[in-house]
PDB file of N, CA and C in Angstrom:
ATOM      1  N   GLN A   1      85.541 119.433  99.068  1.00  0.00           N
ATOM      2  CA  GLN A   1      86.171 120.011 100.244  1.00  0.00           C
ATOM      3  C   GLN A   1      85.365 119.686 101.496  1.00  0.00           C
ATOM      4  N   VAL A   2      84.057 119.719 101.384  1.00  0.00           N
ATOM      5  CA  VAL A   2      83.211 119.446 102.542  1.00  0.00           C
ATOM      6  C   VAL A   2      83.442 118.022 103.043  1.00  0.00           C
ATOM      7  N   HIS A   3      83.532 117.053 102.123  1.00  0.00           N
ATOM      8  CA  HIS A   3      83.756 115.671 102.539  1.00  0.00           C
ATOM      9  C   HIS A   3      85.073 115.529 103.285  1.00  0.00           C
ATOM     10  N   LEU A   4      86.106 116.229 102.823  1.00  0.00           N
ATOM     11  CA  LEU A   4      87.396 116.148 103.502  1.00  0.00           C
ATOM     12  C   LEU A   4      87.304 116.707 104.909  1.00  0.00           C
ATOM     13  N   SER A   5      86.635 117.838 105.068  1.00  0.00           N
ATOM     14  CA  SER A   5      86.544 118.442 106.391  1.00  0.00           C
ATOM     15  C   SER A   5      85.694 117.599 107.340  1.00  0.00           C
ATOM     16  N   LEU A   6      84.833 116.775 106.793  1.00  0.00           N
ATOM     17  CA  LEU A   6      84.006 115.893 107.615  1.00  0.00           C
ATOM     18  C   LEU A   6      84.628 114.496 107.744  1.00  0.00           C
ATOM     19  N   HIS A   7      85.828 114.337 107.235  1.00  0.00           N
ATOM     20  CA  HIS A   7      86.545 113.055 107.268  1.00  0.00           C
ATOM     21  C   HIS A   7      85.793 111.966 106.518  1.00  0.00           C
ATOM     22  N   ARG A   8      85.135 112.346 105.442  1.00  0.00           N
ATOM     23  CA  ARG A   8      84.437 111.391 104.581  1.00  0.00           C
ATOM     24  C   ARG A   8      85.275 111.224 103.322  1.00  0.00           C
ATOM     25  N   HIS A   9      86.381 110.529 103.486  1.00  0.00           N
ATOM     26  CA  HIS A   9      87.392 110.463 102.440  1.00  0.00           C
ATOM     27  C   HIS A   9      86.940 109.666 101.217  1.00  0.00           C
ATOM     28  N   ALA A  10      86.212 108.593 101.413  1.00  0.00           N
ATOM     29  CA  ALA A  10      85.743 107.815 100.268  1.00  0.00           C
ATOM     30  C   ALA A  10      84.808 108.651  99.392  1.00  0.00           C
ATOM     31  N   GLU A  11      83.942 109.431 100.030  1.00  0.00           N
ATOM     32  CA  GLU A  11      83.046 110.300  99.265  1.00  0.00           C
ATOM     33  C   GLU A  11      83.815 111.393  98.541  1.00  0.00           C
ATOM     34  N   ALA A  12      84.852 111.905  99.188  1.00  0.00           N
ATOM     35  CA  ALA A  12      85.678 112.934  98.547  1.00  0.00           C
ATOM     36  C   ALA A  12      86.369 112.366  97.312  1.00  0.00           C
ATOM     37  N   VAL A  13      86.890 111.145  97.429  1.00  0.00           N
ATOM     38  CA  VAL A  13      87.528 110.501  96.275  1.00  0.00           C
ATOM     39  C   VAL A  13      86.525 110.359  95.141  1.00  0.00           C
ATOM     40  N   ALA A  14      85.324 109.883  95.455  1.00  0.00           N
ATOM     41  CA  ALA A  14      84.297 109.682  94.435  1.00  0.00           C
ATOM     42  C   ALA A  14      83.914 111.004  93.765  1.00  0.00           C
ATOM     43  N   ASP A  15      83.707 112.049  94.544  1.00  0.00           N
ATOM     44  CA  ASP A  15      83.343 113.359  93.986  1.00  0.00           C
ATOM     45  C   ASP A  15      84.449 113.904  93.087  1.00  0.00           C
ATOM     46  N   CYS A  16      85.682 113.802  93.548  1.00  0.00           N
ATOM     47  CA  CYS A  16      86.804 114.324  92.761  1.00  0.00           C
ATOM     48  C   CYS A  16      86.995 113.526  91.478  1.00  0.00           C
ATOM     49  N   THR A  17      86.809 112.217  91.571  1.00  0.00           N
ATOM     50  CA  THR A  17      86.929 111.378  90.376  1.00  0.00           C
ATOM     51  C   THR A  17      85.887 111.771  89.341  1.00  0.00           C
ATOM     52  N   LEU A  18      84.673 112.017  89.787  1.00  0.00           N
ATOM     53  CA  LEU A  18      83.612 112.458  88.877  1.00  0.00           C
ATOM     54  C   LEU A  18      83.971 113.803  88.243  1.00  0.00           C
ATOM     55  N   ALA A  19      84.454 114.717  89.049  1.00  0.00           N
ATOM     56  CA  ALA A  19      84.857 116.031  88.518  1.00  0.00           C
ATOM     57  C   ALA A  19      85.975 115.888  87.491  1.00  0.00           C
ATOM     58  N   LEU A  20      86.913 114.991  87.746  1.00  0.00           N
ATOM     59  CA  LEU A  20      88.035 114.807  86.824  1.00  0.00           C
ATOM     60  C   LEU A  20      87.609 114.104  85.535  1.00  0.00           C
ATOM     61  N   GLU A  21      86.570 113.304  85.597  1.00  0.00           N
ATOM     62  CA  GLU A  21      86.024 112.706  84.374  1.00  0.00           C
ATOM     63  C   GLU A  21      85.451 113.787  83.472  1.00  0.00           C
ATOM     64  N   ARG A  22      84.893 114.809  84.093  1.00  0.00           N
ATOM     65  CA  ARG A  22      84.311 115.925  83.332  1.00  0.00           C
ATOM     66  C   ARG A  22      85.382 116.895  82.838  1.00  0.00           C
ATOM     67  N   ASP A  23      86.407 117.115  83.665  1.00  0.00           N
ATOM     68  CA  ASP A  23      87.486 118.042  83.299  1.00  0.00           C
ATOM     69  C   ASP A  23      88.813 117.511  83.843  1.00  0.00           C
ATOM     70  N   PRO A  24      89.574 116.783  83.016  1.00  0.00           N
ATOM     71  CA  PRO A  24      90.819 116.176  83.478  1.00  0.00           C
ATOM     72  C   PRO A  24      91.917 117.185  83.824  1.00  0.00           C
ATOM     73  N   ARG A  25      91.662 118.461  83.626  1.00  0.00           N
ATOM     74  CA  ARG A  25      92.652 119.488  83.977  1.00  0.00           C
ATOM     75  C   ARG A  25      92.291 120.228  85.269  1.00  0.00           C
ATOM     76  N   TYR A  26      91.319 119.736  85.994  1.00  0.00           N
ATOM     77  CA  TYR A  26      90.833 120.385  87.212  1.00  0.00           C
ATOM     78  C   TYR A  26      91.806 120.096  88.356  1.00  0.00           C
ATOM     79  N   VAL A  27      92.767 120.987  88.530  1.00  0.00           N
ATOM     80  CA  VAL A  27      93.868 120.796  89.466  1.00  0.00           C
ATOM     81  C   VAL A  27      93.376 120.660  90.905  1.00  0.00           C
ATOM     82  N   LYS A  28      92.400 121.459  91.307  1.00  0.00           N
ATOM     83  CA  LYS A  28      91.905 121.377  92.687  1.00  0.00           C
ATOM     84  C   LYS A  28      91.330 119.994  92.994  1.00  0.00           C
ATOM     85  N   ALA A  29      90.713 119.376  92.012  1.00  0.00           N
ATOM     86  CA  ALA A  29      90.169 118.029  92.227  1.00  0.00           C
ATOM     87  C   ALA A  29      91.295 117.030  92.466  1.00  0.00           C
ATOM     88  N   TYR A  30      92.393 117.166  91.731  1.00  0.00           N
ATOM     89  CA  TYR A  30      93.544 116.287  91.968  1.00  0.00           C
ATOM     90  C   TYR A  30      94.105 116.503  93.370  1.00  0.00           C
ATOM     91  N   LEU A  31      94.214 117.762  93.779  1.00  0.00           N
ATOM     92  CA  LEU A  31      94.754 118.059  95.106  1.00  0.00           C
ATOM     93  C   LEU A  31      93.851 117.508  96.207  1.00  0.00           C
ATOM     94  N   ARG A  32      92.560 117.683  96.065  1.00  0.00           N
ATOM     95  CA  ARG A  32      91.620 117.194  97.081  1.00  0.00           C
ATOM     96  C   ARG A  32      91.594 115.671  97.116  1.00  0.00           C
ATOM     97  N   ARG A  33      91.624 115.064  95.921  1.00  0.00           N
ATOM     98  CA  ARG A  33      91.620 113.602  95.894  1.00  0.00           C
ATOM     99  C   ARG A  33      92.913 113.051  96.484  1.00  0.00           C
ATOM    100  N   ALA A  34      94.028 113.718  96.208  1.00  0.00           N
ATOM    101  CA  ALA A  34      95.306 113.298  96.796  1.00  0.00           C
ATOM    102  C   ALA A  34      95.244 113.366  98.316  1.00  0.00           C
ATOM    103  N   ALA A  35      94.643 114.423  98.846  1.00  0.00           N
ATOM    104  CA  ALA A  35      94.509 114.551 100.297  1.00  0.00           C
ATOM    105  C   ALA A  35      93.646 113.431 100.859  1.00  0.00           C
ATOM    106  N   ALA A  36      92.565 113.106 100.178  1.00  0.00           N
ATOM    107  CA  ALA A  36      91.685 112.030 100.638  1.00  0.00           C
ATOM    108  C   ALA A  36      92.416 110.694 100.589  1.00  0.00           C
ATOM    109  N   TYR A  37      93.128 110.451  99.496  1.00  0.00           N
ATOM    110  CA  TYR A  37      93.911 109.213  99.406  1.00  0.00           C
ATOM    111  C   TYR A  37      94.935 109.136 100.534  1.00  0.00           C
ATOM    112  N   ALA A  38      95.617 110.228 100.804  1.00  0.00           N
ATOM    113  CA  ALA A  38      96.630 110.235 101.855  1.00  0.00           C
ATOM    114  C   ALA A  38      96.007 109.907 103.209  1.00  0.00           C
ATOM    115  N   HIS A  39      94.831 110.452 103.496  1.00  0.00           N
ATOM    116  CA  HIS A  39      94.143 110.169 104.759  1.00  0.00           C
ATOM    117  C   HIS A  39      93.708 108.709 104.853  1.00  0.00           C
ATOM    118  N   GLN A  40      93.503 108.082 103.704  1.00  0.00           N
ATOM    119  CA  GLN A  40      93.120 106.674 103.683  1.00  0.00           C
ATOM    120  C   GLN A  40      94.341 105.751 103.709  1.00  0.00           C
ATOM    121  N   GLY A  41      95.529 106.337 103.708  1.00  0.00           N
ATOM    122  CA  GLY A  41      96.739 105.531 103.711  1.00  0.00           C
ATOM    123  C   GLY A  41      97.160 105.070 102.333  1.00  0.00           C
ATOM    124  N   GLU A  42      96.603 105.649 101.309  1.00  0.00           N
ATOM    125  CA  GLU A  42      96.908 105.296  99.921  1.00  0.00           C
ATOM    126  C   GLU A  42      97.924 106.284  99.353  1.00  0.00           C
ATOM    127  N   SER A  43      99.138 106.259  99.892  1.00  0.00           N
ATOM    128  CA  SER A  43     100.128 107.259  99.481  1.00  0.00           C
ATOM    129  C   SER A  43     100.532 107.115  98.017  1.00  0.00           C
ATOM    130  N   GLY A  44     100.490 105.914  97.486  1.00  0.00           N
ATOM    131  CA  GLY A  44     100.825 105.733  96.071  1.00  0.00           C
ATOM    132  C   GLY A  44      99.842 106.455  95.162  1.00  0.00           C
ATOM    133  N   LEU A  45      98.548 106.322  95.462  1.00  0.00           N
ATOM    134  CA  LEU A  45      97.523 107.011  94.670  1.00  0.00           C
ATOM    135  C   LEU A  45      97.601 108.516  94.876  1.00  0.00           C
ATOM    136  N   ALA A  46      97.878 108.939  96.099  1.00  0.00           N
ATOM    137  CA  ALA A  46      98.029 110.367  96.373  1.00  0.00           C
ATOM    138  C   ALA A  46      99.197 110.930  95.565  1.00  0.00           C
ATOM    139  N   THR A  47     100.294 110.197  95.539  1.00  0.00           N
ATOM    140  CA  THR A  47     101.478 110.634  94.790  1.00  0.00           C
ATOM    141  C   THR A  47     101.163 110.765  93.308  1.00  0.00           C
ATOM    142  N   GLN A  48     100.416 109.803  92.761  1.00  0.00           N
ATOM    143  CA  GLN A  48     100.040 109.878  91.344  1.00  0.00           C
ATOM    144  C   GLN A  48      99.264 111.158  91.051  1.00  0.00           C
ATOM    145  N   ASP A  49      98.301 111.484  91.920  1.00  0.00           N
ATOM    146  CA  ASP A  49      97.503 112.697  91.699  1.00  0.00           C
ATOM    147  C   ASP A  49      98.362 113.954  91.829  1.00  0.00           C
ATOM    148  N   LEU A  50      99.270 113.964  92.776  1.00  0.00           N
ATOM    149  CA  LEU A  50     100.127 115.136  92.953  1.00  0.00           C
ATOM    150  C   LEU A  50     101.058 115.321  91.755  1.00  0.00           C
ATOM    151  N   ARG A  51     101.533 114.232  91.196  1.00  0.00           N
ATOM    152  CA  ARG A  51     102.369 114.331  89.989  1.00  0.00           C
ATOM    153  C   ARG A  51     101.552 114.854  88.809  1.00  0.00           C
ATOM    154  N   LYS A  52     100.274 114.481  88.763  1.00  0.00           N
ATOM    155  CA  LYS A  52      99.386 114.986  87.715  1.00  0.00           C
ATOM    156  C   LYS A  52      99.221 116.506  87.856  1.00  0.00           C
ATOM    157  N   VAL A  53      99.102 116.979  89.089  1.00  0.00           N
ATOM    158  CA  VAL A  53      99.017 118.426  89.328  1.00  0.00           C
ATOM    159  C   VAL A  53     100.254 119.106  88.752  1.00  0.00           C
ATOM    160  N   LEU A  54     101.417 118.536  89.032  1.00  0.00           N
ATOM    161  CA  LEU A  54     102.668 119.155  88.575  1.00  0.00           C
ATOM    162  C   LEU A  54     102.834 119.077  87.060  1.00  0.00           C
ATOM    163  N   GLN A  55     102.166 118.150  86.416  1.00  0.00           N
ATOM    164  CA  GLN A  55     102.164 118.139  84.943  1.00  0.00           C
ATOM    165  C   GLN A  55     101.419 119.361  84.411  1.00  0.00           C
ATOM    166  N   HIS A  56     100.333 119.712  85.091  1.00  0.00           N
ATOM    167  CA  HIS A  56      99.524 120.861  84.664  1.00  0.00           C
ATOM    168  C   HIS A  56     100.086 122.180  85.178  1.00  0.00           C
ATOM    169  N   GLU A  57     100.611 122.160  86.404  1.00  0.00           N
ATOM    170  CA  GLU A  57     101.146 123.371  87.038  1.00  0.00           C
ATOM    171  C   GLU A  57     102.493 123.027  87.683  1.00  0.00           C
ATOM    172  N   PRO A  58     103.576 123.091  86.905  1.00  0.00           N
ATOM    173  CA  PRO A  58     104.894 122.661  87.408  1.00  0.00           C
ATOM    174  C   PRO A  58     105.384 123.397  88.651  1.00  0.00           C
ATOM    175  N   ASN A  59     104.883 124.571  88.932  1.00  0.00           N
ATOM    176  CA  ASN A  59     105.341 125.339  90.091  1.00  0.00           C
ATOM    177  C   ASN A  59     104.348 125.321  91.253  1.00  0.00           C
ATOM    178  N   ASN A  60     103.415 124.393  91.249  1.00  0.00           N
ATOM    179  CA  ASN A  60     102.403 124.350  92.299  1.00  0.00           C
ATOM    180  C   ASN A  60     103.065 123.973  93.626  1.00  0.00           C
ATOM    181  N   ALA A  61     103.160 124.937  94.518  1.00  0.00           N
ATOM    182  CA  ALA A  61     103.857 124.759  95.794  1.00  0.00           C
ATOM    183  C   ALA A  61     103.163 123.741  96.691  1.00  0.00           C
ATOM    184  N   GLN A  62     101.841 123.715  96.681  1.00  0.00           N
ATOM    185  CA  GLN A  62     101.109 122.781  97.529  1.00  0.00           C
ATOM    186  C   GLN A  62     101.400 121.342  97.106  1.00  0.00           C
ATOM    187  N   ALA A  63     101.384 121.082  95.819  1.00  0.00           N
ATOM    188  CA  ALA A  63     101.661 119.726  95.330  1.00  0.00           C
ATOM    189  C   ALA A  63     103.095 119.316  95.661  1.00  0.00           C
ATOM    190  N   LYS A  64     104.030 120.235  95.490  1.00  0.00           N
ATOM    191  CA  LYS A  64     105.432 119.930  95.811  1.00  0.00           C
ATOM    192  C   LYS A  64     105.601 119.611  97.290  1.00  0.00           C
ATOM    193  N   ALA A  65     104.964 120.393  98.147  1.00  0.00           N
ATOM    194  CA  ALA A  65     105.082 120.177  99.592  1.00  0.00           C
ATOM    195  C   ALA A  65     104.458 118.846  99.996  1.00  0.00           C
ATOM    196  N   GLU A  66     103.304 118.530  99.433  1.00  0.00           N
ATOM    197  CA  GLU A  66     102.643 117.268  99.768  1.00  0.00           C
ATOM    198  C   GLU A  66     103.444 116.078  99.256  1.00  0.00           C
ATOM    199  N   LEU A  67     104.024 116.191  98.071  1.00  0.00           N
ATOM    200  CA  LEU A  67     104.880 115.118  97.561  1.00  0.00           C
ATOM    201  C   LEU A  67     106.057 114.880  98.493  1.00  0.00           C
ATOM    202  N   HIS A  68     106.650 115.965  98.953  1.00  0.00           N
ATOM    203  CA  HIS A  68     107.777 115.838  99.887  1.00  0.00           C
ATOM    204  C   HIS A  68     107.318 115.159 101.172  1.00  0.00           C
ATOM    205  N   ARG A  69     106.186 115.584 101.698  1.00  0.00           N
ATOM    206  CA  ARG A  69     105.673 115.021 102.937  1.00  0.00           C
ATOM    207  C   ARG A  69     105.396 113.526 102.801  1.00  0.00           C
ATOM    208  N   LEU A  70     104.856 113.122 101.659  1.00  0.00           N
ATOM    209  CA  LEU A  70     104.535 111.714 101.446  1.00  0.00           C
ATOM    210  C   LEU A  70     105.775 110.859 101.194  1.00  0.00           C
ATOM    211  N   SER A  71     106.848 111.484 100.750  1.00  0.00           N
ATOM    212  CA  SER A  71     108.018 110.708 100.353  1.00  0.00           C
ATOM    213  C   SER A  71     109.015 110.483 101.483  1.00  0.00           C
ATOM    214  N   ILE A  72     108.851 111.176 102.595  1.00  0.00           N
ATOM    215  CA  ILE A  72     109.835 111.013 103.669  1.00  0.00           C
ATOM    216  C   ILE A  72     109.347 110.014 104.704  1.00  0.00           C
ATOM    217  N   THR A  73     110.277 109.371 105.361  1.00  0.00           N
ATOM    218  CA  THR A  73     109.952 108.406 106.405  1.00  0.00           C
ATOM    219  C   THR A  73     109.585 109.156 107.690  1.00  0.00           C
ATOM    220  N   PRO A  74     108.928 108.503 108.611  1.00  0.00           N
ATOM    221  CA  PRO A  74     108.628 109.149 109.903  1.00  0.00           C
ATOM    222  C   PRO A  74     109.896 109.636 110.620  1.00  0.00           C
ATOM    223  N   GLN A  75     110.986 108.887 110.488  1.00  0.00           N
ATOM    224  CA  GLN A  75     112.244 109.291 111.121  1.00  0.00           C
ATOM    225  C   GLN A  75     112.774 110.569 110.481  1.00  0.00           C
ATOM    226  N   GLN A  76     112.681 110.664 109.160  1.00  0.00           N
ATOM    227  CA  GLN A  76     113.120 111.883 108.476  1.00  0.00           C
ATOM    228  C   GLN A  76     112.237 113.061 108.879  1.00  0.00           C
ATOM    229  N   ALA A  77     110.954 112.833 108.995  1.00  0.00           N
ATOM    230  CA  ALA A  77     110.042 113.908 109.402  1.00  0.00           C
ATOM    231  C   ALA A  77     110.381 114.406 110.793  1.00  0.00           C
ATOM    232  N   ALA A  78     110.685 113.487 111.706  1.00  0.00           N
ATOM    233  CA  ALA A  78     111.056 113.872 113.061  1.00  0.00           C
ATOM    234  C   ALA A  78     112.346 114.660 113.066  1.00  0.00           C
ATOM    235  N   ALA A  79     113.297 114.248 112.246  1.00  0.00           N
ATOM    236  CA  ALA A  79     114.576 114.955 112.161  1.00  0.00           C
ATOM    237  C   ALA A  79     114.387 116.358 111.600  1.00  0.00           C
ATOM    238  N   GLU A  80     113.538 116.494 110.581  1.00  0.00           N
ATOM    239  CA  GLU A  80     113.260 117.806 109.988  1.00  0.00           C
ATOM    240  C   GLU A  80     112.567 118.708 111.011  1.00  0.00           C
ATOM    241  N   ALA A  81     111.640 118.151 111.770  1.00  0.00           N
ATOM    242  CA  ALA A  81     110.928 118.938 112.773  1.00  0.00           C
ATOM    243  C   ALA A  81     111.886 119.383 113.869  1.00  0.00           C
ATOM    244  N   ALA A  82     112.794 118.507 114.268  1.00  0.00           N
ATOM    245  CA  ALA A  82     113.772 118.849 115.301  1.00  0.00           C
ATOM    246  C   ALA A  82     114.736 119.936 114.800  1.00  0.00           C
ATOM    247  N   ALA A  83     115.106 119.842 113.536  1.00  0.00           N
ATOM    248  CA  ALA A  83     116.027 120.838 112.980  1.00  0.00           C
ATOM    249  C   ALA A  83     115.361 122.197 112.866  1.00  0.00           C
ATOM    250  N   ALA A  84     114.044 122.208 112.610  1.00  0.00           N
ATOM    251  CA  ALA A  84     113.323 123.474 112.452  1.00  0.00           C
ATOM    252  C   ALA A  84     113.056 124.135 113.813  1.00  0.00           C
ATOM    253  N   ALA A  85     113.095 123.351 114.876  1.00  0.00           N
ATOM    254  CA  ALA A  85     112.786 123.892 116.216  1.00  0.00           C
ATOM    255  C   ALA A  85     113.944 124.662 116.811  1.00  0.00           C
TER     256      ALA A  85
END
């Protein structure tokens, strides 16, 4: 979490990967690594981690919201924001 808040995304990915090697069911590590991947522009890798979260916790609202955010185009995001306003 500290690496993410300091915008040290590569370090966050490395830390989360190490944690997941030790415990492949560590959902928070998948979520944090997905966030780091997303900040690096690696939406495919972020999506993979978010899907892994949903395998372990099918009702995880954060993973569902992030998957939705990653799957929409900028135009769709603008339209959704305009509709919510």
